[in-house]
N, C-alpha and C. Protein backbone atom coordinates (compact mmCIF):
# COMPACT_ATOMS: atom_id res chain seq x y z
N MET A 1 130.61 -26.00 95.65
CA MET A 1 129.99 -24.70 95.48
C MET A 1 130.79 -23.66 96.26
N GLN A 2 131.09 -22.57 95.63
CA GLN A 2 131.92 -21.54 96.24
C GLN A 2 131.03 -20.53 96.98
N SER A 3 131.44 -20.18 98.19
CA SER A 3 130.64 -19.23 98.96
C SER A 3 130.95 -17.80 98.52
N GLN A 4 129.95 -16.97 98.60
CA GLN A 4 130.08 -15.57 98.22
C GLN A 4 130.44 -14.78 99.48
N ILE A 5 131.51 -14.02 99.43
CA ILE A 5 131.95 -13.26 100.59
C ILE A 5 131.15 -11.98 100.75
N TYR A 6 130.98 -11.25 99.69
CA TYR A 6 130.40 -9.91 99.78
C TYR A 6 129.56 -9.64 98.55
N THR A 7 128.34 -9.24 98.76
CA THR A 7 127.48 -8.93 97.61
C THR A 7 126.94 -7.51 97.67
N GLY A 8 127.35 -6.75 98.64
CA GLY A 8 126.85 -5.39 98.82
C GLY A 8 127.40 -4.41 97.81
N VAL A 9 127.05 -3.16 98.02
CA VAL A 9 127.45 -2.07 97.15
C VAL A 9 128.61 -1.33 97.81
N MET A 10 129.53 -0.87 96.99
CA MET A 10 130.67 -0.13 97.50
C MET A 10 130.23 1.26 97.98
N PHE A 11 130.75 1.67 99.13
CA PHE A 11 130.49 3.01 99.65
C PHE A 11 131.39 4.00 98.95
N ASN A 12 130.86 5.15 98.60
CA ASN A 12 131.66 6.23 98.04
C ASN A 12 132.61 6.74 99.11
N LYS A 13 133.80 7.20 98.71
CA LYS A 13 134.78 7.65 99.70
C LYS A 13 134.27 8.83 100.52
N ASN A 14 133.48 9.72 99.94
CA ASN A 14 132.94 10.85 100.68
C ASN A 14 131.84 10.41 101.65
N LEU A 15 131.07 9.41 101.26
CA LEU A 15 130.05 8.87 102.14
C LEU A 15 130.69 8.26 103.38
N LYS A 16 131.84 7.63 103.21
CA LYS A 16 132.55 7.06 104.36
C LYS A 16 132.94 8.15 105.35
N LEU A 17 133.38 9.29 104.84
CA LEU A 17 133.74 10.40 105.73
C LEU A 17 132.51 10.97 106.43
N VAL A 18 131.41 11.09 105.71
CA VAL A 18 130.17 11.61 106.31
C VAL A 18 129.68 10.66 107.39
N LEU A 19 129.68 9.35 107.11
CA LEU A 19 129.26 8.38 108.11
C LEU A 19 130.15 8.44 109.35
N THR A 20 131.46 8.57 109.14
CA THR A 20 132.38 8.69 110.26
C THR A 20 132.05 9.91 111.11
N ALA A 21 131.81 11.05 110.46
CA ALA A 21 131.49 12.27 111.19
C ALA A 21 130.18 12.12 111.97
N LEU A 22 129.16 11.54 111.35
CA LEU A 22 127.88 11.34 112.03
C LEU A 22 128.02 10.41 113.23
N ILE A 23 128.77 9.36 113.06
CA ILE A 23 128.97 8.41 114.17
C ILE A 23 129.74 9.08 115.30
N LEU A 24 130.76 9.88 114.97
CA LEU A 24 131.52 10.57 116.01
C LEU A 24 130.66 11.61 116.73
N ILE A 25 129.79 12.30 116.01
CA ILE A 25 128.87 13.26 116.65
C ILE A 25 127.94 12.53 117.60
N THR A 26 127.45 11.38 117.17
CA THR A 26 126.59 10.57 118.03
C THR A 26 127.37 10.09 119.25
N ALA A 27 128.64 9.74 119.06
CA ALA A 27 129.47 9.29 120.19
C ALA A 27 129.63 10.42 121.21
N VAL A 28 129.89 11.64 120.75
CA VAL A 28 130.02 12.78 121.66
C VAL A 28 128.71 13.00 122.40
N TRP A 29 127.59 12.90 121.70
CA TRP A 29 126.28 13.05 122.35
C TRP A 29 126.09 11.98 123.43
N GLN A 30 126.52 10.75 123.12
CA GLN A 30 126.41 9.67 124.11
C GLN A 30 127.27 9.96 125.34
N PHE A 31 128.45 10.54 125.13
CA PHE A 31 129.29 10.92 126.27
C PHE A 31 128.61 11.98 127.12
N THR A 32 127.96 12.96 126.47
CA THR A 32 127.29 14.02 127.24
C THR A 32 126.08 13.49 128.00
N GLU A 33 125.49 12.41 127.52
CA GLU A 33 124.36 11.77 128.20
C GLU A 33 124.83 10.74 129.23
N SER A 34 126.13 10.70 129.49
CA SER A 34 126.75 9.76 130.46
C SER A 34 126.65 8.31 130.02
N ASN A 35 126.52 8.06 128.74
CA ASN A 35 126.55 6.70 128.19
C ASN A 35 127.95 6.44 127.63
N ILE A 36 128.90 6.28 128.54
CA ILE A 36 130.32 6.16 128.18
C ILE A 36 130.56 4.92 127.30
N GLY A 37 129.95 3.81 127.67
CA GLY A 37 130.13 2.57 126.90
C GLY A 37 129.67 2.72 125.46
N ASN A 38 128.51 3.34 125.28
CA ASN A 38 128.00 3.57 123.91
C ASN A 38 128.94 4.49 123.13
N GLY A 39 129.43 5.54 123.79
CA GLY A 39 130.34 6.48 123.14
C GLY A 39 131.62 5.80 122.68
N ILE A 40 132.18 4.97 123.56
CA ILE A 40 133.42 4.25 123.20
C ILE A 40 133.15 3.29 122.03
N PHE A 41 132.03 2.57 122.11
CA PHE A 41 131.68 1.65 121.02
C PHE A 41 131.54 2.40 119.70
N LEU A 42 130.87 3.54 119.72
CA LEU A 42 130.66 4.30 118.49
C LEU A 42 131.98 4.83 117.92
N ILE A 43 132.89 5.23 118.79
CA ILE A 43 134.20 5.69 118.31
C ILE A 43 134.93 4.53 117.63
N LEU A 44 134.90 3.37 118.28
CA LEU A 44 135.55 2.19 117.67
C LEU A 44 134.86 1.81 116.36
N PHE A 45 133.53 1.90 116.33
CA PHE A 45 132.78 1.59 115.11
C PHE A 45 133.14 2.54 113.98
N SER A 46 133.34 3.82 114.30
CA SER A 46 133.68 4.81 113.26
C SER A 46 135.04 4.52 112.64
N LEU A 47 135.92 3.82 113.38
CA LEU A 47 137.24 3.48 112.84
C LEU A 47 137.15 2.54 111.64
N ILE A 48 136.07 1.76 111.57
CA ILE A 48 135.87 0.88 110.42
C ILE A 48 135.77 1.71 109.14
N PHE A 49 135.00 2.79 109.20
CA PHE A 49 134.83 3.63 108.01
C PHE A 49 136.10 4.40 107.68
N VAL A 50 136.87 4.77 108.71
CA VAL A 50 138.16 5.42 108.46
C VAL A 50 139.10 4.43 107.77
N PHE A 51 139.13 3.20 108.25
CA PHE A 51 139.96 2.16 107.63
C PHE A 51 139.54 1.94 106.17
N LEU A 52 138.23 1.85 105.93
CA LEU A 52 137.75 1.61 104.57
C LEU A 52 137.94 2.82 103.66
N TYR A 53 138.12 4.00 104.24
CA TYR A 53 138.44 5.17 103.43
C TYR A 53 139.81 5.00 102.79
N PHE A 54 140.76 4.47 103.57
CA PHE A 54 142.12 4.32 103.07
C PHE A 54 142.37 2.96 102.41
N LYS A 55 141.58 1.98 102.73
CA LYS A 55 141.71 0.64 102.14
C LYS A 55 140.35 0.24 101.58
N ASN A 56 140.16 0.45 100.30
CA ASN A 56 138.86 0.19 99.67
C ASN A 56 138.49 -1.28 99.77
N GLU A 57 137.23 -1.53 100.14
CA GLU A 57 136.77 -2.89 100.36
C GLU A 57 136.80 -3.74 99.10
N MET A 58 136.51 -3.16 97.95
CA MET A 58 136.51 -3.94 96.70
C MET A 58 137.95 -4.33 96.30
N ILE A 59 138.88 -3.45 96.55
CA ILE A 59 140.28 -3.77 96.23
C ILE A 59 140.79 -4.86 97.18
N LEU A 60 140.42 -4.78 98.45
CA LEU A 60 140.81 -5.83 99.40
C LEU A 60 140.24 -7.18 98.99
N LEU A 61 138.98 -7.20 98.58
CA LEU A 61 138.37 -8.45 98.14
C LEU A 61 139.00 -8.96 96.85
N ALA A 62 139.38 -8.05 95.96
CA ALA A 62 140.05 -8.45 94.71
C ALA A 62 141.41 -9.08 95.03
N PHE A 63 142.14 -8.50 95.99
CA PHE A 63 143.42 -9.08 96.41
C PHE A 63 143.22 -10.49 96.95
N LEU A 64 142.16 -10.70 97.74
CA LEU A 64 141.89 -12.04 98.28
C LEU A 64 141.62 -13.03 97.15
N LYS A 65 140.86 -12.61 96.15
CA LYS A 65 140.58 -13.49 95.01
C LYS A 65 141.86 -13.78 94.22
N LEU A 66 142.71 -12.76 94.07
CA LEU A 66 143.96 -12.97 93.34
C LEU A 66 144.88 -13.95 94.04
N ARG A 67 144.89 -13.92 95.37
CA ARG A 67 145.72 -14.86 96.13
C ARG A 67 145.31 -16.31 95.85
N LYS A 68 144.02 -16.49 95.51
CA LYS A 68 143.51 -17.82 95.19
C LYS A 68 143.58 -18.10 93.69
N GLN A 69 144.24 -17.21 92.93
CA GLN A 69 144.37 -17.33 91.48
C GLN A 69 143.02 -17.27 90.77
N ASP A 70 142.04 -16.62 91.38
CA ASP A 70 140.71 -16.47 90.78
C ASP A 70 140.65 -15.11 90.09
N PHE A 71 141.15 -15.05 88.85
CA PHE A 71 141.22 -13.79 88.11
C PHE A 71 139.83 -13.26 87.78
N ASP A 72 138.91 -14.15 87.44
CA ASP A 72 137.55 -13.71 87.11
C ASP A 72 136.87 -13.08 88.32
N GLY A 73 137.03 -13.72 89.47
CA GLY A 73 136.43 -13.19 90.70
C GLY A 73 137.03 -11.83 91.07
N ALA A 74 138.35 -11.71 90.94
CA ALA A 74 139.01 -10.44 91.24
C ALA A 74 138.54 -9.36 90.29
N ASN A 75 138.41 -9.71 89.03
CA ASN A 75 137.96 -8.74 88.03
C ASN A 75 136.51 -8.29 88.30
N LYS A 76 135.68 -9.19 88.80
CA LYS A 76 134.30 -8.83 89.12
C LYS A 76 134.26 -7.77 90.22
N TYR A 77 135.11 -7.94 91.23
CA TYR A 77 135.16 -6.94 92.30
C TYR A 77 135.69 -5.61 91.79
N LEU A 78 136.70 -5.65 90.95
CA LEU A 78 137.24 -4.40 90.41
C LEU A 78 136.24 -3.71 89.48
N ASP A 79 135.44 -4.50 88.77
CA ASP A 79 134.44 -3.92 87.88
C ASP A 79 133.32 -3.20 88.65
N LYS A 80 133.17 -3.52 89.92
CA LYS A 80 132.16 -2.83 90.74
C LYS A 80 132.56 -1.39 91.04
N ILE A 81 133.83 -1.08 90.83
CA ILE A 81 134.30 0.30 91.01
C ILE A 81 134.08 1.00 89.68
N LYS A 82 133.02 1.76 89.58
CA LYS A 82 132.61 2.35 88.31
C LYS A 82 133.54 3.47 87.84
N ASP A 83 133.89 4.40 88.71
CA ASP A 83 134.76 5.51 88.35
C ASP A 83 135.90 5.59 89.36
N PRO A 84 137.01 4.89 89.10
CA PRO A 84 138.09 4.82 90.08
C PRO A 84 138.65 6.19 90.48
N HIS A 85 138.65 7.12 89.56
CA HIS A 85 139.25 8.43 89.86
C HIS A 85 138.47 9.18 90.95
N THR A 86 137.16 9.09 90.93
CA THR A 86 136.36 9.79 91.94
C THR A 86 136.02 8.91 93.14
N ALA A 87 135.97 7.60 92.96
CA ALA A 87 135.57 6.70 94.04
C ALA A 87 136.72 6.35 94.98
N LEU A 88 137.96 6.52 94.53
CA LEU A 88 139.11 6.06 95.30
C LEU A 88 140.08 7.21 95.59
N VAL A 89 140.80 7.05 96.70
CA VAL A 89 141.89 7.99 96.97
C VAL A 89 143.07 7.60 96.07
N ARG A 90 144.07 8.45 95.98
CA ARG A 90 145.16 8.28 95.01
C ARG A 90 145.85 6.91 95.06
N LYS A 91 146.25 6.47 96.24
CA LYS A 91 146.95 5.18 96.35
C LYS A 91 146.03 4.01 96.00
N GLN A 92 144.75 4.13 96.36
CA GLN A 92 143.80 3.08 96.01
C GLN A 92 143.65 2.99 94.49
N GLU A 93 143.62 4.15 93.85
CA GLU A 93 143.52 4.16 92.39
C GLU A 93 144.77 3.52 91.78
N GLY A 94 145.92 3.73 92.43
CA GLY A 94 147.15 3.08 91.98
C GLY A 94 147.02 1.57 92.06
N TYR A 95 146.49 1.07 93.17
CA TYR A 95 146.32 -0.38 93.32
C TYR A 95 145.25 -0.92 92.39
N TYR A 96 144.22 -0.15 92.13
CA TYR A 96 143.19 -0.55 91.16
C TYR A 96 143.86 -0.79 89.80
N ASN A 97 144.66 0.17 89.36
CA ASN A 97 145.33 0.04 88.07
C ASN A 97 146.37 -1.08 88.09
N TYR A 98 147.04 -1.25 89.22
CA TYR A 98 148.03 -2.32 89.37
C TYR A 98 147.36 -3.69 89.18
N LEU A 99 146.25 -3.90 89.87
CA LEU A 99 145.54 -5.18 89.75
C LEU A 99 145.00 -5.40 88.35
N LYS A 100 144.41 -4.35 87.77
CA LYS A 100 143.90 -4.45 86.40
C LYS A 100 145.04 -4.79 85.43
N GLY A 101 146.17 -4.12 85.61
CA GLY A 101 147.32 -4.36 84.74
C GLY A 101 147.84 -5.79 84.86
N LEU A 102 147.92 -6.30 86.08
CA LEU A 102 148.39 -7.68 86.28
C LEU A 102 147.46 -8.68 85.59
N MET A 103 146.16 -8.45 85.72
CA MET A 103 145.21 -9.39 85.11
C MET A 103 145.19 -9.26 83.59
N LEU A 104 145.31 -8.04 83.09
CA LEU A 104 145.28 -7.83 81.63
C LEU A 104 146.58 -8.26 80.96
N SER A 105 147.66 -8.41 81.72
CA SER A 105 148.93 -8.81 81.12
C SER A 105 148.84 -10.21 80.50
N GLN A 106 147.80 -10.95 80.84
CA GLN A 106 147.60 -12.28 80.25
C GLN A 106 146.93 -12.21 78.89
N THR A 107 146.17 -11.14 78.64
CA THR A 107 145.35 -11.11 77.43
C THR A 107 145.62 -9.91 76.52
N ASN A 108 145.85 -8.74 77.10
CA ASN A 108 145.96 -7.52 76.30
C ASN A 108 147.14 -6.69 76.80
N LEU A 109 148.29 -6.84 76.16
CA LEU A 109 149.50 -6.17 76.63
C LEU A 109 149.42 -4.65 76.56
N ASN A 110 148.77 -4.12 75.53
CA ASN A 110 148.68 -2.66 75.42
C ASN A 110 147.87 -2.06 76.56
N LEU A 111 146.74 -2.67 76.86
CA LEU A 111 145.90 -2.19 77.96
C LEU A 111 146.58 -2.43 79.31
N ALA A 112 147.27 -3.57 79.43
CA ALA A 112 148.00 -3.87 80.67
C ALA A 112 149.09 -2.82 80.90
N GLU A 113 149.80 -2.47 79.83
CA GLU A 113 150.86 -1.47 79.94
C GLU A 113 150.28 -0.12 80.40
N LYS A 114 149.15 0.25 79.85
CA LYS A 114 148.50 1.51 80.22
C LYS A 114 148.16 1.52 81.72
N HIS A 115 147.56 0.43 82.20
CA HIS A 115 147.18 0.35 83.62
C HIS A 115 148.40 0.32 84.54
N LEU A 116 149.41 -0.45 84.16
CA LEU A 116 150.61 -0.54 85.01
C LEU A 116 151.36 0.79 85.06
N LYS A 117 151.45 1.50 83.94
CA LYS A 117 152.10 2.81 83.95
C LYS A 117 151.33 3.79 84.82
N LYS A 118 150.02 3.72 84.76
CA LYS A 118 149.18 4.58 85.59
C LYS A 118 149.38 4.25 87.07
N ALA A 119 149.51 2.96 87.39
CA ALA A 119 149.75 2.53 88.78
C ALA A 119 151.08 3.06 89.29
N VAL A 120 152.11 2.99 88.46
CA VAL A 120 153.43 3.50 88.86
C VAL A 120 153.37 5.02 89.04
N GLU A 121 152.66 5.68 88.16
CA GLU A 121 152.51 7.14 88.24
C GLU A 121 151.78 7.56 89.52
N LEU A 122 150.71 6.85 89.86
CA LEU A 122 149.92 7.18 91.05
C LEU A 122 150.62 6.77 92.34
N GLY A 123 151.46 5.75 92.24
CA GLY A 123 152.19 5.28 93.40
C GLY A 123 151.52 4.11 94.08
N LEU A 124 152.33 3.25 94.66
CA LEU A 124 151.87 2.09 95.42
C LEU A 124 152.53 2.15 96.79
N ASN A 125 151.86 1.66 97.80
CA ASN A 125 152.37 1.76 99.17
C ASN A 125 153.63 0.92 99.40
N MET A 126 153.68 -0.23 98.80
CA MET A 126 154.80 -1.16 99.07
C MET A 126 155.77 -1.18 97.90
N ASP A 127 157.06 -1.14 98.24
CA ASP A 127 158.10 -1.21 97.22
C ASP A 127 158.01 -2.50 96.42
N GLN A 128 157.60 -3.59 97.08
CA GLN A 128 157.51 -4.88 96.41
C GLN A 128 156.46 -4.83 95.29
N ASP A 129 155.35 -4.16 95.54
CA ASP A 129 154.30 -4.03 94.53
C ASP A 129 154.80 -3.16 93.37
N LEU A 130 155.52 -2.11 93.70
CA LEU A 130 156.08 -1.23 92.66
C LEU A 130 157.10 -2.00 91.82
N ALA A 131 157.90 -2.83 92.49
CA ALA A 131 158.89 -3.65 91.77
C ALA A 131 158.19 -4.63 90.83
N MET A 132 157.09 -5.22 91.29
CA MET A 132 156.34 -6.16 90.45
C MET A 132 155.74 -5.44 89.24
N ALA A 133 155.22 -4.24 89.46
CA ALA A 133 154.66 -3.47 88.35
C ALA A 133 155.74 -3.15 87.32
N LYS A 134 156.92 -2.74 87.79
CA LYS A 134 158.01 -2.41 86.87
C LYS A 134 158.54 -3.65 86.17
N LEU A 135 158.54 -4.78 86.87
CA LEU A 135 158.96 -6.03 86.25
C LEU A 135 158.02 -6.41 85.11
N ASN A 136 156.73 -6.27 85.33
CA ASN A 136 155.75 -6.56 84.28
C ASN A 136 155.87 -5.57 83.13
N LEU A 137 156.11 -4.30 83.45
CA LEU A 137 156.32 -3.31 82.39
C LEU A 137 157.57 -3.63 81.58
N ALA A 138 158.60 -4.12 82.25
CA ALA A 138 159.82 -4.53 81.54
C ALA A 138 159.53 -5.69 80.59
N GLY A 139 158.71 -6.64 81.06
CA GLY A 139 158.33 -7.76 80.20
C GLY A 139 157.55 -7.30 78.98
N ILE A 140 156.69 -6.33 79.17
CA ILE A 140 155.91 -5.79 78.04
C ILE A 140 156.84 -5.06 77.08
N ALA A 141 157.78 -4.28 77.63
CA ALA A 141 158.74 -3.57 76.79
C ALA A 141 159.60 -4.56 76.00
N MET A 142 159.99 -5.67 76.64
CA MET A 142 160.78 -6.69 75.95
C MET A 142 159.98 -7.30 74.80
N SER A 143 158.70 -7.54 75.04
CA SER A 143 157.88 -8.15 73.98
C SER A 143 157.68 -7.20 72.81
N LYS A 144 157.86 -5.90 73.06
CA LYS A 144 157.75 -4.90 71.99
C LYS A 144 159.12 -4.49 71.44
N ASN A 145 160.15 -5.24 71.82
CA ASN A 145 161.54 -5.00 71.38
C ASN A 145 162.05 -3.61 71.77
N LYS A 146 161.67 -3.14 72.94
CA LYS A 146 162.18 -1.88 73.48
C LYS A 146 163.22 -2.23 74.54
N LYS A 147 164.41 -2.59 74.08
CA LYS A 147 165.45 -3.12 74.95
C LYS A 147 165.92 -2.10 75.99
N ILE A 148 166.14 -0.86 75.61
CA ILE A 148 166.65 0.15 76.54
C ILE A 148 165.63 0.41 77.65
N GLU A 149 164.36 0.54 77.28
CA GLU A 149 163.31 0.77 78.28
C GLU A 149 163.20 -0.43 79.22
N ALA A 150 163.31 -1.63 78.67
CA ALA A 150 163.22 -2.85 79.48
C ALA A 150 164.38 -2.92 80.47
N GLU A 151 165.60 -2.59 80.01
CA GLU A 151 166.76 -2.60 80.91
C GLU A 151 166.59 -1.60 82.05
N LYS A 152 166.08 -0.42 81.72
CA LYS A 152 165.86 0.62 82.72
C LYS A 152 164.84 0.15 83.76
N LEU A 153 163.75 -0.42 83.29
CA LEU A 153 162.71 -0.89 84.20
C LEU A 153 163.19 -2.06 85.07
N LEU A 154 163.99 -2.95 84.50
CA LEU A 154 164.54 -4.06 85.28
C LEU A 154 165.48 -3.54 86.38
N ALA A 155 166.29 -2.53 86.05
CA ALA A 155 167.18 -1.95 87.05
C ALA A 155 166.38 -1.30 88.19
N GLU A 156 165.31 -0.60 87.83
CA GLU A 156 164.45 0.03 88.85
C GLU A 156 163.77 -1.04 89.71
N ALA A 157 163.31 -2.11 89.08
CA ALA A 157 162.66 -3.19 89.83
C ALA A 157 163.65 -3.86 90.78
N LYS A 158 164.89 -4.03 90.33
CA LYS A 158 165.91 -4.65 91.19
C LYS A 158 166.18 -3.78 92.41
N LYS A 159 166.24 -2.46 92.22
CA LYS A 159 166.44 -1.54 93.34
C LYS A 159 165.31 -1.62 94.36
N LEU A 160 164.10 -1.76 93.87
CA LEU A 160 162.92 -1.79 94.74
C LEU A 160 162.74 -3.14 95.44
N ASP A 161 163.30 -4.20 94.87
CA ASP A 161 163.14 -5.55 95.43
C ASP A 161 164.16 -5.77 96.55
N LYS A 162 163.91 -5.15 97.69
CA LYS A 162 164.86 -5.19 98.80
C LYS A 162 164.92 -6.56 99.48
N GLN A 163 163.81 -7.30 99.47
CA GLN A 163 163.79 -8.63 100.09
C GLN A 163 164.27 -9.73 99.15
N GLY A 164 164.49 -9.41 97.90
CA GLY A 164 164.97 -10.40 96.94
C GLY A 164 163.90 -11.39 96.50
N MET A 165 162.64 -11.04 96.64
CA MET A 165 161.56 -11.95 96.27
C MET A 165 161.43 -12.13 94.76
N LEU A 166 161.89 -11.17 94.00
CA LEU A 166 161.79 -11.24 92.54
C LEU A 166 163.14 -11.53 91.88
N LYS A 167 164.10 -11.94 92.68
CA LYS A 167 165.46 -12.14 92.18
C LYS A 167 165.50 -13.14 91.01
N GLU A 168 164.79 -14.24 91.17
CA GLU A 168 164.78 -15.27 90.13
C GLU A 168 164.17 -14.75 88.83
N GLN A 169 163.04 -14.04 88.94
CA GLN A 169 162.38 -13.50 87.75
C GLN A 169 163.25 -12.43 87.09
N LEU A 170 163.89 -11.59 87.91
CA LEU A 170 164.76 -10.56 87.35
C LEU A 170 165.94 -11.17 86.59
N THR A 171 166.54 -12.20 87.16
CA THR A 171 167.66 -12.88 86.52
C THR A 171 167.22 -13.51 85.20
N MET A 172 166.05 -14.15 85.23
CA MET A 172 165.54 -14.81 84.03
C MET A 172 165.24 -13.78 82.93
N MET A 173 164.66 -12.65 83.31
CA MET A 173 164.32 -11.64 82.31
C MET A 173 165.58 -10.99 81.74
N LYS A 174 166.61 -10.80 82.58
CA LYS A 174 167.87 -10.24 82.07
C LYS A 174 168.50 -11.19 81.07
N ALA A 175 168.42 -12.49 81.35
CA ALA A 175 168.95 -13.49 80.42
C ALA A 175 168.17 -13.47 79.11
N GLN A 176 166.86 -13.33 79.18
CA GLN A 176 166.04 -13.27 77.97
C GLN A 176 166.34 -12.00 77.18
N LEU A 177 166.63 -10.94 77.89
CA LEU A 177 166.94 -9.67 77.23
C LEU A 177 168.24 -9.78 76.43
N LYS A 178 169.18 -10.55 76.95
CA LYS A 178 170.45 -10.74 76.24
C LYS A 178 170.28 -11.62 75.00
N LYS A 179 169.29 -12.54 75.04
CA LYS A 179 169.06 -13.44 73.91
C LYS A 179 168.60 -12.70 72.67
N GLY A 180 167.75 -11.70 72.87
CA GLY A 180 167.29 -10.95 71.71
C GLY A 180 165.79 -10.92 71.56
N PRO A 181 165.30 -10.73 70.34
CA PRO A 181 163.88 -10.45 70.11
C PRO A 181 162.90 -11.61 70.28
N GLN A 182 163.36 -12.84 70.44
CA GLN A 182 162.40 -13.93 70.54
C GLN A 182 161.89 -14.10 71.98
N VAL A 183 161.60 -13.00 72.61
CA VAL A 183 161.16 -13.00 73.99
C VAL A 183 159.68 -13.36 74.07
N GLN A 184 159.36 -14.18 75.04
CA GLN A 184 157.96 -14.55 75.26
C GLN A 184 157.54 -14.01 76.61
N MET A 185 156.39 -13.33 76.66
CA MET A 185 155.90 -12.73 77.90
C MET A 185 155.42 -13.82 78.82
N ARG A 186 155.85 -13.77 80.08
CA ARG A 186 155.43 -14.72 81.09
C ARG A 186 154.72 -13.97 82.21
N ARG A 187 153.86 -14.67 82.92
CA ARG A 187 153.15 -14.06 84.06
C ARG A 187 153.98 -14.28 85.31
N TYR A 188 154.15 -13.22 86.06
CA TYR A 188 154.92 -13.30 87.31
C TYR A 188 154.06 -13.04 88.49
């Protein structure tokens, strides 16, 4: 039986800021009442909401599920984000689309392409994630026989892959690109 990590409701990004402000006001009040320990604790407690403002809890949980190859579990967490545009800051929305695109690349290439392009447009914090998104987009372009677009995306992915973690996949995709139209999409 698998344990459930989190069953609560996602906090809106603006609610996180309001809670942080209220906690900080309470901390200042505690300092004025000479309750230094309480004030320090409240300041540290408010940092949790600041962290969650920039790193959405549902996206973090989806990443944990993806590391375990639990696509259904990751998708459930992402589905809890009802309106990504208003609920998330720009980079979080990029990661939301990145994760959706990676999961959809197994079943629906058109929808996966839409999400991955949106993720690239919004931006991702790590070059490695951006390289992976472009690598998947190149695979989708190859499956649609868009050779020039695929070559461009592979070159961009190679530039972004500074640690060489995708070197093998890039080499394999370049070889498939030279073979021609009988390309088969693989999950990376």
